[in-house]
């Protein structure tokens, strides 16, 4: 009786080793299934195509061209700014110097008048000449330069013909025979044209 009961109880006890083997097999199957799903998902993800070398080269060429253009524009801007700044420095006192030109004209006229007077005081003549030369010399240090005219051919970039007269000599035909008002340049820029008389 006892032997039969023991055998019956042994048959009724669960097969632990069998259950453990089933569980292990189930875990392995689940792992394999998850790996397969992950691999399938990776295959389904879109892969970004690398641009062809021709497209990359075209893009690089475009960027290089833009860079060269920007560099050229900046270089032109820098040169233009430097030139404008230099012109401003050179002609900063243009208005002041132009305002002093009538004083030079009066000095020249005073010298011519005094030299034509027979009994003119020589000290007065020398004094006016001294003032004229000092003022003229100072303005020349600032870039003022008289325009050469008498005996030269008419140059409309420098001279303004105000009258024509018969040429006193054949070689003066078409050339400047007299200067009514002297012209000047300031650092190469004409600030007053020379008013001249041309022989014909």
Foldseek 3Di string as FASTA:
>chain_A
DVVVVVVVVVVVDDPVVVVVVVVVVVVVVVVVVVVVVVVVVVVVDDDDDDDDPVVVVVVVVVVVVVVVVVVVVVVVVVVVVVVVVVVCVLCVCVVVVVVCQVVLVVLVVVLVVQVPDPPRDVVVNVVSVVVNVVVVVVVVVSQKDWDDFAPAADDPQAADEPEEDADPDPSQARGFHAWPGIWIAGNNHTPGHTYTYGHD
